[in-house]
Amino acid sequence: MLVLTRKKSQSIIIGGKDSPGDGKIEVVILDVSGETVRLGIRGPREIAVYRKELYEAIREENIRAAQAAGDLPPGLDALLTTDLELPGDKD
């Protein structure tokens, strides 16, 4: 995991190329209040951004829906029950 220190109004850039609009994501520190940090995320509209707890809830619901449908293609059961490694999960 990459650990950075940023102050209010500072940002980091993830991915993309040198020219604007090439898939880069900018994360800006908007405010820091106690233990709460407000982030602004600027990036391509086609890239979904979720809070981790919401992402996990959606994933669990998708697994339940797929299992309820029955007759899953071979190997899909294993894929659905495998924890995916998200960016930032590595220590």
C-alpha atoms as a PDB file:
ATOM      1  CA  MET A   1       0.000   0.000   0.000  1.00  0.00           C
ATOM      2  CA  LEU A   2       1.292   3.415  -0.927  1.00  0.00           C
ATOM      3  CA  VAL A   3       0.875   5.876   1.951  1.00  0.00           C
ATOM      4  CA  LEU A   4       0.936   9.604   1.205  1.00  0.00           C
ATOM      5  CA  THR A   5       0.543  12.701   3.319  1.00  0.00           C
ATOM      6  CA  ARG A   6      -1.555  15.501   1.829  1.00  0.00           C
ATOM      7  CA  LYS A   7      -2.918  18.770   3.178  1.00  0.00           C
ATOM      8  CA  LYS A   8      -6.222  20.509   2.456  1.00  0.00           C
ATOM      9  CA  SER A   9      -6.530  21.478  -1.231  1.00  0.00           C
ATOM     10  CA  GLN A  10      -3.689  19.137  -2.241  1.00  0.00           C
ATOM     11  CA  SER A  11      -4.327  16.176  -4.532  1.00  0.00           C
ATOM     12  CA  ILE A  12      -2.960  12.994  -6.025  1.00  0.00           C
ATOM     13  CA  ILE A  13      -3.324  11.699  -9.586  1.00  0.00           C
ATOM     14  CA  ILE A  14      -3.977   8.025 -10.323  1.00  0.00           C
ATOM     15  CA  GLY A  15      -3.324   6.562 -13.778  1.00  0.00           C
ATOM     16  CA  GLY A  16      -3.818   8.389 -17.052  1.00  0.00           C
ATOM     17  CA  LYS A  17      -1.324   9.990 -19.350  1.00  0.00           C
ATOM     18  CA  ASP A  18       0.237  13.446 -19.496  1.00  0.00           C
ATOM     19  CA  SER A  19      -2.648  15.098 -21.339  1.00  0.00           C
ATOM     20  CA  PRO A  20      -6.009  15.803 -19.638  1.00  0.00           C
ATOM     21  CA  GLY A  21      -8.960  13.488 -20.196  1.00  0.00           C
ATOM     22  CA  ASP A  22      -6.971  10.290 -20.698  1.00  0.00           C
ATOM     23  CA  GLY A  23      -8.489   8.231 -17.906  1.00  0.00           C
ATOM     24  CA  LYS A  24      -6.669   9.815 -15.018  1.00  0.00           C
ATOM     25  CA  ILE A  25      -8.336  10.115 -11.625  1.00  0.00           C
ATOM     26  CA  GLU A  26      -7.597  13.031  -9.323  1.00  0.00           C
ATOM     27  CA  VAL A  27      -8.314  12.747  -5.590  1.00  0.00           C
ATOM     28  CA  VAL A  28      -8.429  16.123  -3.828  1.00  0.00           C
ATOM     29  CA  ILE A  29      -8.452  16.725  -0.064  1.00  0.00           C
ATOM     30  CA  LEU A  30     -11.384  19.120   0.374  1.00  0.00           C
ATOM     31  CA  ASP A  31     -11.554  19.339   4.149  1.00  0.00           C
ATOM     32  CA  VAL A  32     -10.156  17.772   7.296  1.00  0.00           C
ATOM     33  CA  SER A  33     -12.209  17.949  10.476  1.00  0.00           C
ATOM     34  CA  GLY A  34     -11.138  15.783  13.416  1.00  0.00           C
ATOM     35  CA  GLU A  35     -11.041  12.191  12.156  1.00  0.00           C
ATOM     36  CA  THR A  36     -13.125  12.977   9.068  1.00  0.00           C
ATOM     37  CA  VAL A  37     -11.604  13.755   5.673  1.00  0.00           C
ATOM     38  CA  ARG A  38     -13.729  15.031   2.770  1.00  0.00           C
ATOM     39  CA  LEU A  39     -12.421  13.872  -0.600  1.00  0.00           C
ATOM     40  CA  GLY A  40     -13.236  15.130  -4.066  1.00  0.00           C
ATOM     41  CA  ILE A  41     -12.761  12.651  -6.909  1.00  0.00           C
ATOM     42  CA  ARG A  42     -12.418  13.854 -10.484  1.00  0.00           C
ATOM     43  CA  GLY A  43     -12.255  11.293 -13.283  1.00  0.00           C
ATOM     44  CA  PRO A  44     -13.938   9.799 -16.339  1.00  0.00           C
ATOM     45  CA  ARG A  45     -17.694   9.274 -15.923  1.00  0.00           C
ATOM     46  CA  GLU A  46     -17.409   5.674 -17.124  1.00  0.00           C
ATOM     47  CA  ILE A  47     -15.338   4.744 -14.056  1.00  0.00           C
ATOM     48  CA  ALA A  48     -17.604   3.983 -11.111  1.00  0.00           C
ATOM     49  CA  VAL A  49     -16.562   5.225  -7.680  1.00  0.00           C
ATOM     50  CA  TYR A  50     -18.038   3.561  -4.578  1.00  0.00           C
ATOM     51  CA  ARG A  51     -17.474   3.748  -0.865  1.00  0.00           C
ATOM     52  CA  LYS A  52     -15.976   0.374   0.086  1.00  0.00           C
ATOM     53  CA  GLU A  53     -18.919  -0.671   2.302  1.00  0.00           C
ATOM     54  CA  LEU A  54     -21.373   0.050  -0.541  1.00  0.00           C
ATOM     55  CA  TYR A  55     -19.197  -1.818  -3.052  1.00  0.00           C
ATOM     56  CA  GLU A  56     -19.147  -4.870  -0.774  1.00  0.00           C
ATOM     57  CA  ALA A  57     -22.934  -4.747  -0.274  1.00  0.00           C
ATOM     58  CA  ILE A  58     -23.503  -4.611  -4.047  1.00  0.00           C
ATOM     59  CA  ARG A  59     -21.075  -7.499  -4.566  1.00  0.00           C
ATOM     60  CA  GLU A  60     -22.825  -9.643  -1.929  1.00  0.00           C
ATOM     61  CA  GLU A  61     -26.239  -8.931  -3.457  1.00  0.00           C
ATOM     62  CA  ASN A  62     -24.940  -9.864  -6.921  1.00  0.00           C
ATOM     63  CA  ILE A  63     -23.601 -13.159  -5.526  1.00  0.00           C
ATOM     64  CA  ARG A  64     -26.971 -13.954  -3.921  1.00  0.00           C
ATOM     65  CA  ALA A  65     -28.826 -13.105  -7.128  1.00  0.00           C
ATOM     66  CA  ALA A  66     -26.515 -15.268  -9.243  1.00  0.00           C
ATOM     67  CA  GLN A  67     -26.817 -18.208  -6.845  1.00  0.00           C
ATOM     68  CA  ALA A  68     -30.624 -17.868  -6.745  1.00  0.00           C
ATOM     69  CA  ALA A  69     -30.699 -18.064 -10.545  1.00  0.00           C
ATOM     70  CA  GLY A  70     -29.183 -21.586 -10.315  1.00  0.00           C
ATOM     71  CA  ASP A  71     -27.434 -23.525 -13.083  1.00  0.00           C
ATOM     72  CA  LEU A  72     -24.351 -21.334 -13.018  1.00  0.00           C
ATOM     73  CA  PRO A  73     -21.715 -21.959 -15.689  1.00  0.00           C
ATOM     74  CA  PRO A  74     -18.767 -24.122 -14.546  1.00  0.00           C
ATOM     75  CA  GLY A  75     -16.245 -22.178 -12.496  1.00  0.00           C
ATOM     76  CA  LEU A  76     -18.542 -19.234 -11.818  1.00  0.00           C
ATOM     77  CA  ASP A  77     -19.333 -20.457  -8.290  1.00  0.00           C
ATOM     78  CA  ALA A  78     -15.640 -20.298  -7.400  1.00  0.00           C
ATOM     79  CA  LEU A  79     -15.262 -16.859  -8.957  1.00  0.00           C
ATOM     80  CA  LEU A  80     -18.269 -15.489  -7.053  1.00  0.00           C
ATOM     81  CA  THR A  81     -16.980 -16.663  -3.704  1.00  0.00           C
ATOM     82  CA  THR A  82     -13.388 -15.492  -4.256  1.00  0.00           C
ATOM     83  CA  ASP A  83     -12.523 -12.215  -2.551  1.00  0.00           C
ATOM     84  CA  LEU A  84     -11.351  -9.745  -5.140  1.00  0.00           C
ATOM     85  CA  GLU A  85      -8.327  -7.673  -4.266  1.00  0.00           C
ATOM     86  CA  LEU A  86      -9.165  -4.001  -4.576  1.00  0.00           C
ATOM     87  CA  PRO A  87      -6.620  -1.257  -5.101  1.00  0.00           C
ATOM     88  CA  GLY A  88      -5.223  -0.300  -1.720  1.00  0.00           C
ATOM     89  CA  ASP A  89      -5.949  -3.712  -0.142  1.00  0.00           C
ATOM     90  CA  LYS A  90      -2.296  -4.794  -0.327  1.00  0.00           C
ATOM     91  CA  ASP A  91      -0.193  -4.121   2.734  1.00  0.00           C
END
